Protein backbone atom coordinates (compact mmCIF):
# COMPACT_ATOMS: atom_id res chain seq x y z
CA UNK A 1 0.00 0.00 0.00
CA UNK A 2 1.41 3.38 -1.00
CA UNK A 3 1.87 5.99 1.65
CA UNK A 4 0.16 9.30 0.93
CA UNK A 5 1.98 12.57 1.27
CA UNK A 6 1.47 14.20 4.66
CA UNK A 7 0.07 11.15 6.44
CA UNK A 8 1.82 9.64 9.40
CA UNK A 9 1.89 6.07 10.44
CA UNK A 10 0.93 5.19 13.98
CA UNK A 11 3.74 5.67 16.42
CA UNK A 12 5.63 8.28 14.42
CA UNK A 13 5.09 11.50 16.31
CA UNK A 14 6.78 14.75 15.43
CA UNK A 15 8.35 16.92 18.12
CA UNK A 16 5.53 19.50 17.89
CA UNK A 17 2.68 17.01 18.54
CA UNK A 18 2.96 17.18 22.33
CA UNK A 19 2.95 20.98 22.30
CA UNK A 20 -0.08 21.03 20.01
CA UNK A 21 -1.97 18.66 22.29
CA UNK A 22 -1.01 20.73 25.34
CA UNK A 23 -2.25 23.92 23.70
CA UNK A 24 -5.51 22.24 22.69
CA UNK A 25 -5.99 20.96 26.24
CA UNK A 26 -5.22 24.38 27.69
CA UNK A 27 -7.74 26.00 25.33
CA UNK A 28 -10.39 23.49 26.39
CA UNK A 29 -9.69 24.13 30.09
CA UNK A 30 -9.75 27.92 29.63
CA UNK A 31 -12.98 27.65 27.64
CA UNK A 32 -14.57 25.57 30.41
CA UNK A 33 -13.47 28.03 33.09
CA UNK A 34 -14.82 30.95 31.04
CA UNK A 35 -18.15 29.17 30.58
CA UNK A 36 -18.39 28.50 34.31
CA UNK A 37 -17.55 32.11 35.10
CA UNK A 38 -20.20 33.26 32.65
CA UNK A 39 -22.75 31.09 34.44
CA UNK A 40 -21.79 32.62 37.79
CA UNK A 41 -22.14 36.14 36.37
CA UNK A 42 -25.54 35.31 34.88
CA UNK A 43 -26.75 33.81 38.15
CA UNK A 44 -25.55 36.85 40.10
CA UNK A 45 -27.29 39.19 37.67
CA UNK A 46 -30.54 37.18 37.85
CA UNK A 47 -30.42 37.16 41.66
CA UNK A 48 -29.99 40.94 41.63
CA UNK A 49 -33.10 41.32 39.50
CA UNK A 50 -35.14 39.00 41.71
CA UNK A 51 -34.02 40.70 44.93
CA UNK A 52 -34.71 44.23 43.64
CA UNK A 53 -37.83 45.69 45.25
CA UNK A 54 -40.72 46.40 42.89
CA UNK A 55 -41.17 49.97 41.77
CA UNK A 56 -44.25 51.96 42.67
CA UNK A 57 -46.87 51.91 39.90
CA UNK A 58 -46.40 55.59 39.07
CA UNK A 59 -42.64 55.10 38.76
CA UNK A 60 -43.21 52.11 36.48
CA UNK A 61 -45.54 54.13 34.27
CA UNK A 62 -43.03 56.98 34.13
CA UNK A 63 -40.31 54.58 32.96
CA UNK A 64 -42.69 53.01 30.43
CA UNK A 65 -43.62 56.45 29.11
CA UNK A 66 -39.93 57.37 28.72
CA UNK A 67 -39.17 54.11 26.91
CA UNK A 68 -42.11 54.53 24.56
CA UNK A 69 -41.14 58.14 23.77
CA UNK A 70 -37.62 56.92 22.98
CA UNK A 71 -39.09 54.30 20.63
CA UNK A 72 -41.19 56.99 18.93
CA UNK A 73 -38.16 59.26 18.51
CA UNK A 74 -36.25 56.36 16.95
CA UNK A 75 -39.24 55.74 14.66
CA UNK A 76 -39.65 52.19 15.92
CA UNK A 77 -43.34 52.80 16.69
CA UNK A 78 -45.84 55.55 15.91
CA UNK A 79 -47.07 58.02 18.54
CA UNK A 80 -50.52 56.42 18.26
CA UNK A 81 -49.10 52.96 18.98
CA UNK A 82 -47.20 54.34 21.96
CA UNK A 83 -50.34 55.97 23.38
CA UNK A 84 -52.44 52.80 22.95
CA UNK A 85 -49.75 50.58 24.50
CA UNK A 86 -49.21 52.97 27.40
CA UNK A 87 -52.97 53.06 28.09
CA UNK A 88 -53.15 49.27 28.02
CA UNK A 89 -50.23 48.92 30.42
CA UNK A 90 -51.71 51.56 32.71
CA UNK A 91 -54.94 49.54 32.92
CA UNK A 92 -52.97 46.38 33.71
CA UNK A 93 -50.71 48.02 36.29
CA UNK A 94 -53.50 49.79 38.15
CA UNK A 95 -55.98 46.97 37.57
CA UNK A 96 -58.76 49.29 36.46
CA UNK A 97 -60.94 47.82 33.74
CA UNK A 98 -60.41 44.64 31.86
CA UNK A 99 -59.23 44.18 28.32
CA UNK A 100 -61.33 41.25 27.12
CA UNK A 101 -60.33 41.78 23.48
CA UNK A 102 -56.79 40.56 24.16
CA UNK A 103 -58.00 37.30 25.67
CA UNK A 104 -58.86 34.71 23.06
């Protein structure tokens, strides 16, 4: 059987093989550590959100209004859409009235 160019037979290692394997192993270990650290950061962030006290309804509506005005200024939604969405959220936050049209 003819030997192809560039192929190695079993047992014939070049001097750089060990270094390549070590680098690959190191990359795998670093990648695993980075993934674990990312999980810790995500868990810490989520715990911070859960432990944050809820805002007062008027503060929530103020933030919603600001976000919707920003969306209007960026032309992501129309002023009419912003007004309708803000009114809907106000009803849900304050619990006044029921929106039966959204329940199907």
